[in-house]
PDB file of all heavy atoms in Angstrom:
ATOM      1  N   PHE A   1     101.508  37.965  -7.577  1.00  0.00           N
ATOM      2  CA  PHE A   1     101.886  38.420  -6.226  1.00  0.00           C
ATOM      3  C   PHE A   1     102.042  40.029  -6.165  1.00  0.00           C
ATOM      4  O   PHE A   1     102.710  40.544  -5.204  1.00  0.00           O
ATOM      5  CB  PHE A   1     103.137  37.768  -5.695  1.00  0.00           C
ATOM      6  CG  PHE A   1     102.844  36.295  -5.584  1.00  0.00           C
ATOM      7  CD1 PHE A   1     104.051  35.493  -5.302  1.00  0.00           C
ATOM      8  CD2 PHE A   1     101.671  35.733  -5.374  1.00  0.00           C
ATOM      9  CE1 PHE A   1     103.932  34.021  -5.087  1.00  0.00           C
ATOM     10  CE2 PHE A   1     101.474  34.352  -5.204  1.00  0.00           C
ATOM     11  CZ  PHE A   1     102.582  33.540  -5.079  1.00  0.00           C
ATOM     12  N   GLY A   2     101.547  40.686  -7.212  1.00  0.00           N
ATOM     13  CA  GLY A   2     101.574  42.148  -7.115  1.00  0.00           C
ATOM     14  C   GLY A   2     100.554  42.597  -6.211  1.00  0.00           C
ATOM     15  O   GLY A   2      99.483  41.960  -5.951  1.00  0.00           O
ATOM     16  N   VAL A   3     100.570  43.876  -5.785  1.00  0.00           N
ATOM     17  CA  VAL A   3      99.577  44.506  -5.002  1.00  0.00           C
ATOM     18  C   VAL A   3      99.258  45.859  -5.521  1.00  0.00           C
ATOM     19  O   VAL A   3     100.145  46.672  -5.913  1.00  0.00           O
ATOM     20  CB  VAL A   3     100.031  44.767  -3.518  1.00  0.00           C
ATOM     21  CG1 VAL A   3      98.844  45.473  -2.705  1.00  0.00           C
ATOM     22  CG2 VAL A   3     100.370  43.336  -2.762  1.00  0.00           C
ATOM     23  N   TYR A   4      97.944  46.019  -5.963  1.00  0.00           N
ATOM     24  CA  TYR A   4      97.565  47.178  -6.733  1.00  0.00           C
ATOM     25  C   TYR A   4      96.392  47.817  -6.020  1.00  0.00           C
ATOM     26  O   TYR A   4      95.700  47.369  -5.126  1.00  0.00           O
ATOM     27  CB  TYR A   4      97.100  46.817  -8.077  1.00  0.00           C
ATOM     28  CG  TYR A   4      98.011  45.907  -8.895  1.00  0.00           C
ATOM     29  CD1 TYR A   4      98.137  44.448  -8.739  1.00  0.00           C
ATOM     30  CD2 TYR A   4      99.117  46.599  -9.618  1.00  0.00           C
ATOM     31  CE1 TYR A   4      98.984  43.714  -9.349  1.00  0.00           C
ATOM     32  CE2 TYR A   4     100.065  45.800 -10.202  1.00  0.00           C
ATOM     33  CZ  TYR A   4     100.043  44.355 -10.086  1.00  0.00           C
ATOM     34  OH  TYR A   4     100.987  43.586 -10.773  1.00  0.00           O
ATOM     35  N   HIS A   5      96.346  49.113  -6.267  1.00  0.00           N
ATOM     36  CA  HIS A   5      95.273  50.023  -5.569  1.00  0.00           C
ATOM     37  C   HIS A   5      94.548  50.809  -6.688  1.00  0.00           C
ATOM     38  O   HIS A   5      95.199  51.648  -7.431  1.00  0.00           O
ATOM     39  CB  HIS A   5      95.950  51.079  -4.713  1.00  0.00           C
ATOM     40  CG  HIS A   5      95.032  51.963  -4.005  1.00  0.00           C
ATOM     41  ND1 HIS A   5      95.467  53.117  -3.321  1.00  0.00           N
ATOM     42  CD2 HIS A   5      93.744  51.791  -3.790  1.00  0.00           C
ATOM     43  CE1 HIS A   5      94.508  53.658  -2.790  1.00  0.00           C
ATOM     44  NE2 HIS A   5      93.369  52.962  -3.030  1.00  0.00           N
ATOM     45  N   LEU A   6      93.276  50.496  -6.739  1.00  0.00           N
ATOM     46  CA  LEU A   6      92.402  51.255  -7.603  1.00  0.00           C
ATOM     47  C   LEU A   6      91.604  52.299  -6.802  1.00  0.00           C
ATOM     48  O   LEU A   6      90.851  51.886  -5.958  1.00  0.00           O
ATOM     49  CB  LEU A   6      91.476  50.217  -8.330  1.00  0.00           C
ATOM     50  CG  LEU A   6      90.202  50.877  -9.233  1.00  0.00           C
ATOM     51  CD1 LEU A   6      90.859  51.669 -10.382  1.00  0.00           C
ATOM     52  CD2 LEU A   6      89.361  49.736  -9.648  1.00  0.00           C
ATOM     53  N   ASN A   7      91.848  53.488  -7.146  1.00  0.00           N
ATOM     54  CA  ASN A   7      91.266  54.576  -6.444  1.00  0.00           C
ATOM     55  C   ASN A   7      90.320  55.338  -7.293  1.00  0.00           C
ATOM     56  O   ASN A   7      90.619  55.880  -8.302  1.00  0.00           O
ATOM     57  CB  ASN A   7      92.347  55.686  -5.870  1.00  0.00           C
ATOM     58  CG  ASN A   7      91.705  56.767  -5.092  1.00  0.00           C
ATOM     59  OD1 ASN A   7      90.694  56.544  -4.341  1.00  0.00           O
ATOM     60  ND2 ASN A   7      92.459  57.855  -5.062  1.00  0.00           N
ATOM     61  N   VAL A   8      89.040  55.311  -6.862  1.00  0.00           N
ATOM     62  CA  VAL A   8      87.980  55.888  -7.707  1.00  0.00           C
ATOM     63  C   VAL A   8      87.438  57.106  -6.789  1.00  0.00           C
ATOM     64  O   VAL A   8      86.863  57.009  -5.782  1.00  0.00           O
ATOM     65  CB  VAL A   8      86.697  54.933  -7.763  1.00  0.00           C
ATOM     66  CG1 VAL A   8      85.729  55.588  -8.694  1.00  0.00           C
ATOM     67  CG2 VAL A   8      87.201  53.595  -8.436  1.00  0.00           C
ATOM     68  N   LYS A   9      87.667  58.238  -7.408  1.00  0.00           N
ATOM     69  CA  LYS A   9      87.385  59.583  -6.786  1.00  0.00           C
ATOM     70  C   LYS A   9      87.017  60.537  -7.601  1.00  0.00           C
ATOM     71  O   LYS A   9      87.745  60.774  -8.658  1.00  0.00           O
ATOM     72  CB  LYS A   9      88.684  59.913  -5.878  1.00  0.00           C
ATOM     73  CG  LYS A   9      88.355  61.201  -5.057  1.00  0.00           C
ATOM     74  CD  LYS A   9      89.644  61.399  -4.140  1.00  0.00           C
ATOM     75  CE  LYS A   9      89.389  62.592  -3.218  1.00  0.00           C
ATOM     76  NZ  LYS A   9      90.609  62.923  -2.449  1.00  0.00           N
ATOM     77  N   ASN A  10      85.894  61.226  -7.442  1.00  0.00           N
ATOM     78  CA  ASN A  10      85.582  62.461  -8.309  1.00  0.00           C
ATOM     79  C   ASN A  10      85.533  62.069  -9.804  1.00  0.00           C
ATOM     80  O   ASN A  10      85.918  62.756 -10.580  1.00  0.00           O
ATOM     81  CB  ASN A  10      86.620  63.656  -8.039  1.00  0.00           C
ATOM     82  CG  ASN A  10      86.600  64.129  -6.594  1.00  0.00           C
ATOM     83  OD1 ASN A  10      85.606  64.097  -6.016  1.00  0.00           O
ATOM     84  ND2 ASN A  10      87.777  64.553  -6.175  1.00  0.00           N
ATOM     85  N   GLU A  11      84.777  60.927 -10.045  1.00  0.00           N
ATOM     86  CA  GLU A  11      84.503  60.495 -11.386  1.00  0.00           C
ATOM     87  C   GLU A  11      85.832  60.172 -12.118  1.00  0.00           C
ATOM     88  O   GLU A  11      85.769  60.141 -13.383  1.00  0.00           O
ATOM     89  CB  GLU A  11      83.737  61.535 -12.183  1.00  0.00           C
ATOM     90  CG  GLU A  11      82.413  61.952 -11.479  1.00  0.00           C
ATOM     91  CD  GLU A  11      81.457  60.796 -11.495  1.00  0.00           C
ATOM     92  OE1 GLU A  11      81.285  60.094 -12.624  1.00  0.00           O
ATOM     93  OE2 GLU A  11      80.803  60.399 -10.442  1.00  0.00           O
ATOM     94  N   THR A  12      86.848  59.906 -11.420  1.00  0.00           N
ATOM     95  CA  THR A  12      88.124  59.525 -12.127  1.00  0.00           C
ATOM     96  C   THR A  12      88.591  58.243 -11.402  1.00  0.00           C
ATOM     97  O   THR A  12      88.321  58.032 -10.319  1.00  0.00           O
ATOM     98  CB  THR A  12      89.157  60.516 -11.998  1.00  0.00           C
ATOM     99  OG1 THR A  12      89.539  60.845 -10.710  1.00  0.00           O
ATOM    100  CG2 THR A  12      88.803  61.878 -12.772  1.00  0.00           C
ATOM    101  N   CYS A  13      89.475  57.626 -12.215  1.00  0.00           N
ATOM    102  CA  CYS A  13      89.976  56.216 -11.640  1.00  0.00           C
ATOM    103  C   CYS A  13      91.567  56.365 -11.799  1.00  0.00           C
ATOM    104  O   CYS A  13      92.067  56.517 -12.936  1.00  0.00           O
ATOM    105  CB  CYS A  13      89.514  55.081 -12.380  1.00  0.00           C
ATOM    106  SG  CYS A  13      87.747  54.911 -12.245  1.00  0.00           S
ATOM    107  N   ASP A  14      92.321  56.058 -10.760  1.00  0.00           N
ATOM    108  CA  ASP A  14      93.699  56.034 -10.697  1.00  0.00           C
ATOM    109  C   ASP A  14      94.103  54.647 -10.175  1.00  0.00           C
ATOM    110  O   ASP A  14      93.573  54.090  -9.226  1.00  0.00           O
ATOM    111  CB  ASP A  14      94.370  57.078  -9.867  1.00  0.00           C
ATOM    112  CG  ASP A  14      94.011  58.535 -10.474  1.00  0.00           C
ATOM    113  OD1 ASP A  14      94.087  58.624 -11.679  1.00  0.00           O
ATOM    114  OD2 ASP A  14      93.816  59.411  -9.648  1.00  0.00           O
ATOM    115  N   ILE A  15      95.164  54.041 -10.793  1.00  0.00           N
ATOM    116  CA  ILE A  15      95.776  52.742 -10.310  1.00  0.00           C
ATOM    117  C   ILE A  15      97.129  53.018  -9.849  1.00  0.00           C
ATOM    118  O   ILE A  15      97.924  53.633 -10.429  1.00  0.00           O
ATOM    119  CB  ILE A  15      95.808  51.711 -11.463  1.00  0.00           C
ATOM    120  CG1 ILE A  15      94.362  51.532 -12.072  1.00  0.00           C
ATOM    121  CG2 ILE A  15      96.389  50.392 -11.006  1.00  0.00           C
ATOM    122  CD1 ILE A  15      94.260  50.566 -13.140  1.00  0.00           C
ATOM    123  N   PHE A  16      97.531  52.458  -8.625  1.00  0.00           N
ATOM    124  CA  PHE A  16      98.854  52.622  -8.111  1.00  0.00           C
ATOM    125  C   PHE A  16      99.337  51.207  -7.958  1.00  0.00           C
ATOM    126  O   PHE A  16      98.696  50.286  -7.661  1.00  0.00           O
ATOM    127  CB  PHE A  16      98.733  53.247  -6.746  1.00  0.00           C
ATOM    128  CG  PHE A  16      98.026  54.579  -6.727  1.00  0.00           C
ATOM    129  CD1 PHE A  16      96.765  54.792  -6.472  1.00  0.00           C
ATOM    130  CD2 PHE A  16      98.775  55.794  -6.800  1.00  0.00           C
ATOM    131  CE1 PHE A  16      96.069  56.016  -6.442  1.00  0.00           C
ATOM    132  CE2 PHE A  16      98.265  57.011  -6.881  1.00  0.00           C
ATOM    133  CZ  PHE A  16      96.828  57.181  -6.589  1.00  0.00           C
ATOM    134  N   THR A  17     100.556  51.102  -8.126  1.00  0.00           N
ATOM    135  CA  THR A  17     101.333  49.804  -7.756  1.00  0.00           C
ATOM    136  C   THR A  17     101.808  49.846  -6.486  1.00  0.00           C
ATOM    137  O   THR A  17     102.808  50.639  -6.236  1.00  0.00           O
ATOM    138  CB  THR A  17     102.399  49.506  -8.822  1.00  0.00           C
ATOM    139  OG1 THR A  17     101.829  49.363 -10.133  1.00  0.00           O
ATOM    140  CG2 THR A  17     103.132  48.117  -8.482  1.00  0.00           C
ATOM    141  N   ILE A  18     101.387  49.162  -5.499  1.00  0.00           N
ATOM    142  CA  ILE A  18     101.785  49.165  -4.077  1.00  0.00           C
ATOM    143  C   ILE A  18     103.058  48.255  -4.038  1.00  0.00           C
ATOM    144  O   ILE A  18     104.029  48.575  -3.352  1.00  0.00           O
ATOM    145  CB  ILE A  18     100.758  48.695  -3.169  1.00  0.00           C
ATOM    146  CG1 ILE A  18      99.673  49.709  -3.175  1.00  0.00           C
ATOM    147  CG2 ILE A  18     101.212  48.627  -1.694  1.00  0.00           C
ATOM    148  CD1 ILE A  18      98.427  49.277  -2.321  1.00  0.00           C
ATOM    149  N   SER A  19     102.991  47.074  -4.676  1.00  0.00           N
ATOM    150  CA  SER A  19     104.156  46.188  -4.660  1.00  0.00           C
ATOM    151  C   SER A  19     104.276  45.593  -6.064  1.00  0.00           C
ATOM    152  O   SER A  19     103.200  45.030  -6.638  1.00  0.00           O
ATOM    153  CB  SER A  19     103.922  45.112  -3.616  1.00  0.00           C
ATOM    154  OG  SER A  19     105.032  44.253  -3.687  1.00  0.00           O
ATOM    155  N   GLU A  20     105.428  45.542  -6.587  1.00  0.00           N
ATOM    156  CA  GLU A  20     105.736  45.054  -7.913  1.00  0.00           C
ATOM    157  C   GLU A  20     105.493  43.430  -7.906  1.00  0.00           C
ATOM    158  O   GLU A  20     105.832  42.843  -6.956  1.00  0.00           O
ATOM    159  CB  GLU A  20     107.167  45.251  -8.377  1.00  0.00           C
ATOM    160  CG  GLU A  20     107.416  46.836  -8.635  1.00  0.00           C
ATOM    161  CD  GLU A  20     106.674  47.221  -9.968  1.00  0.00           C
ATOM    162  OE1 GLU A  20     106.292  46.409 -10.767  1.00  0.00           O
ATOM    163  OE2 GLU A  20     106.739  48.520 -10.160  1.00  0.00           O
ATOM    164  N   PRO A  21     105.032  42.941  -9.030  1.00  0.00           N
ATOM    165  CA  PRO A  21     104.852  41.561  -9.148  1.00  0.00           C
ATOM    166  C   PRO A  21     106.134  40.769  -9.251  1.00  0.00           C
ATOM    167  O   PRO A  21     107.279  41.462  -9.650  1.00  0.00           O
ATOM    168  CB  PRO A  21     104.081  41.362 -10.457  1.00  0.00           C
ATOM    169  CG  PRO A  21     104.365  42.573 -11.294  1.00  0.00           C
ATOM    170  CD  PRO A  21     104.645  43.733 -10.251  1.00  0.00           C
ATOM    171  N   VAL A  22     106.167  39.444  -9.097  1.00  0.00           N
ATOM    172  CA  VAL A  22     107.342  38.684  -9.245  1.00  0.00           C
ATOM    173  C   VAL A  22     107.606  38.381 -10.733  1.00  0.00           C
ATOM    174  O   VAL A  22     106.683  38.471 -11.474  1.00  0.00           O
ATOM    175  CB  VAL A  22     107.363  37.433  -8.282  1.00  0.00           C
ATOM    176  CG1 VAL A  22     107.178  37.745  -6.896  1.00  0.00           C
ATOM    177  CG2 VAL A  22     106.192  36.551  -8.756  1.00  0.00           C
ATOM    178  N   ASN A  23     108.888  38.029 -11.073  1.00  0.00           N
ATOM    179  CA  ASN A  23     109.202  37.604 -12.395  1.00  0.00           C
ATOM    180  C   ASN A  23     109.010  36.105 -12.459  1.00  0.00           C
ATOM    181  O   ASN A  23     109.755  35.222 -11.979  1.00  0.00           O
ATOM    182  CB  ASN A  23     110.582  37.932 -12.792  1.00  0.00           C
ATOM    183  CG  ASN A  23     110.837  37.455 -14.245  1.00  0.00           C
ATOM    184  OD1 ASN A  23     110.220  36.756 -14.940  1.00  0.00           O
ATOM    185  ND2 ASN A  23     112.052  38.109 -14.642  1.00  0.00           N
ATOM    186  N   ILE A  24     107.776  35.665 -13.051  1.00  0.00           N
ATOM    187  CA  ILE A  24     107.565  34.139 -13.013  1.00  0.00           C
ATOM    188  C   ILE A  24     108.263  33.378 -13.871  1.00  0.00           C
ATOM    189  O   ILE A  24     108.354  32.099 -13.714  1.00  0.00           O
ATOM    190  CB  ILE A  24     105.951  33.960 -13.298  1.00  0.00           C
ATOM    191  CG1 ILE A  24     105.576  34.483 -14.823  1.00  0.00           C
ATOM    192  CG2 ILE A  24     105.046  34.704 -12.257  1.00  0.00           C
ATOM    193  CD1 ILE A  24     104.241  34.154 -15.169  1.00  0.00           C
ATOM    194  N   TYR A  25     108.982  33.989 -14.950  1.00  0.00           N
ATOM    195  CA  TYR A  25     109.724  33.156 -15.858  1.00  0.00           C
ATOM    196  C   TYR A  25     111.175  32.993 -15.464  1.00  0.00           C
ATOM    197  O   TYR A  25     111.913  32.155 -16.135  1.00  0.00           O
ATOM    198  CB  TYR A  25     109.615  33.887 -17.214  1.00  0.00           C
ATOM    199  CG  TYR A  25     108.283  33.844 -17.877  1.00  0.00           C
ATOM    200  CD1 TYR A  25     107.479  34.934 -17.845  1.00  0.00           C
ATOM    201  CD2 TYR A  25     107.750  32.602 -18.339  1.00  0.00           C
ATOM    202  CE1 TYR A  25     106.205  34.939 -18.464  1.00  0.00           C
ATOM    203  CE2 TYR A  25     106.491  32.671 -18.921  1.00  0.00           C
ATOM    204  CZ  TYR A  25     105.688  33.731 -18.958  1.00  0.00           C
ATOM    205  OH  TYR A  25     104.430  33.729 -19.371  1.00  0.00           O
ATOM    206  N   LYS A  26     111.671  33.666 -14.486  1.00  0.00           N
ATOM    207  CA  LYS A  26     113.102  33.594 -14.127  1.00  0.00           C
ATOM    208  C   LYS A  26     113.381  32.139 -13.558  1.00  0.00           C
ATOM    209  O   LYS A  26     114.329  31.512 -14.020  1.00  0.00           O
ATOM    210  CB  LYS A  26     113.323  34.527 -12.900  1.00  0.00           C
ATOM    211  CG  LYS A  26     114.823  34.553 -12.534  1.00  0.00           C
ATOM    212  CD  LYS A  26     115.067  35.546 -11.464  1.00  0.00           C
ATOM    213  CE  LYS A  26     116.554  35.619 -11.046  1.00  0.00           C
ATOM    214  NZ  LYS A  26     116.805  36.687  -9.992  1.00  0.00           N
ATOM    215  N   PRO A  27     112.512  31.487 -12.730  1.00  0.00           N
ATOM    216  CA  PRO A  27     112.890  30.099 -12.350  1.00  0.00           C
ATOM    217  C   PRO A  27     112.734  29.131 -13.387  1.00  0.00           C
ATOM    218  O   PRO A  27     113.530  28.143 -13.471  1.00  0.00           O
ATOM    219  CB  PRO A  27     111.758  29.704 -11.207  1.00  0.00           C
ATOM    220  CG  PRO A  27     110.673  30.814 -11.388  1.00  0.00           C
ATOM    221  CD  PRO A  27     111.337  32.114 -11.866  1.00  0.00           C
ATOM    222  N   LEU A  28     111.811  29.301 -14.435  1.00  0.00           N
ATOM    223  CA  LEU A  28     111.786  28.455 -15.612  1.00  0.00           C
ATOM    224  C   LEU A  28     112.955  28.530 -16.343  1.00  0.00           C
ATOM    225  O   LEU A  28     113.463  27.502 -16.864  1.00  0.00           O
ATOM    226  CB  LEU A  28     110.494  28.842 -16.466  1.00  0.00           C
ATOM    227  CG  LEU A  28     110.244  28.045 -17.645  1.00  0.00           C
ATOM    228  CD1 LEU A  28     110.051  26.597 -17.300  1.00  0.00           C
ATOM    229  CD2 LEU A  28     109.178  28.690 -18.530  1.00  0.00           C
ATOM    230  N   LEU A  29     113.526  29.688 -16.615  1.00  0.00           N
ATOM    231  CA  LEU A  29     114.710  29.939 -17.469  1.00  0.00           C
ATOM    232  C   LEU A  29     115.938  29.197 -16.716  1.00  0.00           C
ATOM    233  O   LEU A  29     116.708  28.528 -17.449  1.00  0.00           O
ATOM    234  CB  LEU A  29     114.998  31.308 -17.757  1.00  0.00           C
ATOM    235  CG  LEU A  29     113.993  32.070 -18.616  1.00  0.00           C
ATOM    236  CD1 LEU A  29     114.350  33.552 -18.644  1.00  0.00           C
ATOM    237  CD2 LEU A  29     113.984  31.501 -19.941  1.00  0.00           C
ATOM    238  N   ILE A  30     116.039  29.254 -15.387  1.00  0.00           N
ATOM    239  CA  ILE A  30     117.056  28.669 -14.665  1.00  0.00           C
ATOM    240  C   ILE A  30     116.914  27.101 -14.798  1.00  0.00           C
ATOM    241  O   ILE A  30     117.978  26.528 -14.999  1.00  0.00           O
ATOM    242  CB  ILE A  30     117.065  29.119 -13.128  1.00  0.00           C
ATOM    243  CG1 ILE A  30     117.414  30.686 -13.134  1.00  0.00           C
ATOM    244  CG2 ILE A  30     117.972  28.278 -12.406  1.00  0.00           C
ATOM    245  CD1 ILE A  30     117.175  31.280 -11.696  1.00  0.00           C
ATOM    246  N   ILE A  31     115.778  26.608 -14.549  1.00  0.00           N
ATOM    247  CA  ILE A  31     115.586  25.217 -14.602  1.00  0.00           C
ATOM    248  C   ILE A  31     115.873  24.610 -16.014  1.00  0.00           C
ATOM    249  O   ILE A  31     116.606  23.593 -16.127  1.00  0.00           O
ATOM    250  CB  ILE A  31     114.144  24.777 -14.289  1.00  0.00           C
ATOM    251  CG1 ILE A  31     113.952  25.109 -12.694  1.00  0.00           C
ATOM    252  CG2 ILE A  31     113.899  23.361 -14.584  1.00  0.00           C
ATOM    253  CD1 ILE A  31     112.544  24.933 -12.316  1.00  0.00           C
ATOM    254  N   LEU A  32     115.432  25.466 -17.132  1.00  0.00           N
ATOM    255  CA  LEU A  32     115.654  24.872 -18.435  1.00  0.00           C
ATOM    256  C   LEU A  32     117.179  24.987 -18.740  1.00  0.00           C
ATOM    257  O   LEU A  32     117.656  24.106 -19.447  1.00  0.00           O
ATOM    258  CB  LEU A  32     114.784  25.745 -19.476  1.00  0.00           C
ATOM    259  CG  LEU A  32     113.372  25.587 -19.419  1.00  0.00           C
ATOM    260  CD1 LEU A  32     112.667  26.565 -20.433  1.00  0.00           C
ATOM    261  CD2 LEU A  32     113.042  24.221 -19.707  1.00  0.00           C
ATOM    262  N   ALA A  33     117.866  25.983 -18.354  1.00  0.00           N
ATOM    263  CA  ALA A  33     119.271  26.154 -18.601  1.00  0.00           C
ATOM    264  C   ALA A  33     120.042  25.018 -17.929  1.00  0.00           C
ATOM    265  O   ALA A  33     120.948  24.427 -18.444  1.00  0.00           O
ATOM    266  CB  ALA A  33     119.748  27.441 -18.085  1.00  0.00           C
ATOM    267  N   ALA A  34     119.597  24.703 -16.661  1.00  0.00           N
ATOM    268  CA  ALA A  34     120.281  23.603 -15.859  1.00  0.00           C
ATOM    269  C   ALA A  34     120.137  22.300 -16.583  1.00  0.00           C
ATOM    270  O   ALA A  34     121.002  21.445 -16.722  1.00  0.00           O
ATOM    271  CB  ALA A  34     119.756  23.551 -14.488  1.00  0.00           C
ATOM    272  N   LEU A  35     118.880  22.015 -17.008  1.00  0.00           N
ATOM    273  CA  LEU A  35     118.521  20.737 -17.707  1.00  0.00           C
ATOM    274  C   LEU A  35     119.288  20.508 -19.066  1.00  0.00           C
ATOM    275  O   LEU A  35     119.804  19.551 -19.461  1.00  0.00           O
ATOM    276  CB  LEU A  35     117.108  20.654 -17.949  1.00  0.00           C
ATOM    277  CG  LEU A  35     116.161  20.349 -16.648  1.00  0.00           C
ATOM    278  CD1 LEU A  35     114.693  20.393 -17.032  1.00  0.00           C
ATOM    279  CD2 LEU A  35     116.435  19.020 -16.099  1.00  0.00           C
ATOM    280  N   LEU A  36     119.328  21.673 -19.862  1.00  0.00           N
ATOM    281  CA  LEU A  36     120.060  21.623 -21.070  1.00  0.00           C
ATOM    282  C   LEU A  36     121.551  21.461 -20.863  1.00  0.00           C
ATOM    283  O   LEU A  36     122.204  20.701 -21.650  1.00  0.00           O
ATOM    284  CB  LEU A  36     119.886  23.022 -21.824  1.00  0.00           C
ATOM    285  CG  LEU A  36     120.531  23.164 -23.190  1.00  0.00           C
ATOM    286  CD1 LEU A  36     119.932  22.041 -24.102  1.00  0.00           C
ATOM    287  CD2 LEU A  36     120.281  24.559 -23.657  1.00  0.00           C
ATOM    288  N   PHE A  37     122.097  22.075 -19.875  1.00  0.00           N
ATOM    289  CA  PHE A  37     123.493  21.901 -19.491  1.00  0.00           C
ATOM    290  C   PHE A  37     123.821  20.320 -19.168  1.00  0.00           C
ATOM    291  O   PHE A  37     124.821  19.674 -19.609  1.00  0.00           O
ATOM    292  CB  PHE A  37     123.925  22.651 -18.275  1.00  0.00           C
ATOM    293  CG  PHE A  37     125.404  22.543 -17.933  1.00  0.00           C
ATOM    294  CD1 PHE A  37     126.452  23.098 -18.700  1.00  0.00           C
ATOM    295  CD2 PHE A  37     125.613  21.709 -16.683  1.00  0.00           C
ATOM    296  CE1 PHE A  37     127.744  22.781 -18.329  1.00  0.00           C
ATOM    297  CE2 PHE A  37     126.976  21.637 -16.375  1.00  0.00           C
ATOM    298  CZ  PHE A  37     127.988  22.155 -17.195  1.00  0.00           C
ATOM    299  N   LEU A  38     122.982  19.683 -18.303  1.00  0.00           N
ATOM    300  CA  LEU A  38     123.045  18.359 -17.923  1.00  0.00           C
ATOM    301  C   LEU A  38     122.876  17.403 -19.097  1.00  0.00           C
ATOM    302  O   LEU A  38     123.661  16.372 -19.309  1.00  0.00           O
ATOM    303  CB  LEU A  38     122.075  18.039 -16.899  1.00  0.00           C
ATOM    304  CG  LEU A  38     122.264  18.633 -15.544  1.00  0.00           C
ATOM    305  CD1 LEU A  38     121.146  18.276 -14.614  1.00  0.00           C
ATOM    306  CD2 LEU A  38     123.539  18.182 -14.878  1.00  0.00           C
ATOM    307  N   CYS A  39     121.901  17.701 -20.042  1.00  0.00           N
ATOM    308  CA  CYS A  39     121.715  16.935 -21.263  1.00  0.00           C
ATOM    309  C   CYS A  39     123.041  17.009 -22.186  1.00  0.00           C
ATOM    310  O   CYS A  39     123.450  15.969 -22.752  1.00  0.00           O
ATOM    311  CB  CYS A  39     120.502  17.318 -22.062  1.00  0.00           C
ATOM    312  SG  CYS A  39     118.941  16.804 -21.153  1.00  0.00           S
ATOM    313  N   LEU A  40     123.586  18.123 -22.361  1.00  0.00           N
ATOM    314  CA  LEU A  40     124.706  18.398 -23.126  1.00  0.00           C
ATOM    315  C   LEU A  40     125.829  17.587 -22.625  1.00  0.00           C
ATOM    316  O   LEU A  40     126.600  16.947 -23.283  1.00  0.00           O
ATOM    317  CB  LEU A  40     125.052  19.850 -23.377  1.00  0.00           C
ATOM    318  CG  LEU A  40     124.036  20.706 -24.137  1.00  0.00           C
ATOM    319  CD1 LEU A  40     124.553  22.135 -24.066  1.00  0.00           C
ATOM    320  CD2 LEU A  40     124.130  20.264 -25.600  1.00  0.00           C
ATOM    321  N   ILE A  41     126.116  17.706 -21.258  1.00  0.00           N
ATOM    322  CA  ILE A  41     127.258  17.015 -20.683  1.00  0.00           C
ATOM    323  C   ILE A  41     127.090  15.428 -20.823  1.00  0.00           C
ATOM    324  O   ILE A  41     128.035  14.696 -21.208  1.00  0.00           O
ATOM    325  CB  ILE A  41     127.290  17.269 -19.155  1.00  0.00           C
ATOM    326  CG1 ILE A  41     127.633  18.824 -18.944  1.00  0.00           C
ATOM    327  CG2 ILE A  41     128.373  16.342 -18.450  1.00  0.00           C
ATOM    328  CD1 ILE A  41     129.027  19.176 -19.579  1.00  0.00           C
ATOM    329  N   TRP A  42     125.862  14.901 -20.573  1.00  0.00           N
ATOM    330  CA  TRP A  42     125.505  13.486 -20.671  1.00  0.00           C
ATOM    331  C   TRP A  42     125.803  13.074 -22.130  1.00  0.00           C
ATOM    332  O   TRP A  42     126.443  12.024 -22.302  1.00  0.00           O
ATOM    333  CB  TRP A  42     124.127  13.231 -20.241  1.00  0.00           C
ATOM    334  CG  TRP A  42     123.726  11.860 -20.533  1.00  0.00           C
ATOM    335  CD1 TRP A  42     123.054  11.314 -21.553  1.00  0.00           C
ATOM    336  CD2 TRP A  42     123.971  10.748 -19.514  1.00  0.00           C
ATOM    337  NE1 TRP A  42     122.821   9.932 -21.383  1.00  0.00           N
ATOM    338  CE2 TRP A  42     123.464   9.562 -20.188  1.00  0.00           C
ATOM    339  CE3 TRP A  42     124.452  10.625 -18.340  1.00  0.00           C
ATOM    340  CZ2 TRP A  42     123.380   8.348 -19.504  1.00  0.00           C
ATOM    341  CZ3 TRP A  42     124.549   9.405 -17.616  1.00  0.00           C
ATOM    342  CH2 TRP A  42     123.942   8.184 -18.217  1.00  0.00           C
ATOM    343  N   ASN A  43     125.310  13.767 -23.105  1.00  0.00           N
ATOM    344  CA  ASN A  43     125.424  13.326 -24.496  1.00  0.00           C
ATOM    345  C   ASN A  43     126.918  13.392 -24.958  1.00  0.00           C
ATOM    346  O   ASN A  43     127.379  12.647 -25.832  1.00  0.00           O
ATOM    347  CB  ASN A  43     124.479  14.100 -25.325  1.00  0.00           C
ATOM    348  CG  ASN A  43     122.975  13.551 -25.228  1.00  0.00           C
ATOM    349  OD1 ASN A  43     122.733  12.500 -25.909  1.00  0.00           O
ATOM    350  ND2 ASN A  43     122.209  14.303 -24.490  1.00  0.00           N
TER     351      ASN A  43
END
């Protein structure tokens, strides 16, 4: 979900970040932590 800009001008290439990407591992860490907590409580 990032947005990038590749500008080719005068035989050179510059890359700009228009919008930063999302952190795809944040929801995974939250879900794994919640599952681990529930398993620990159950056991």
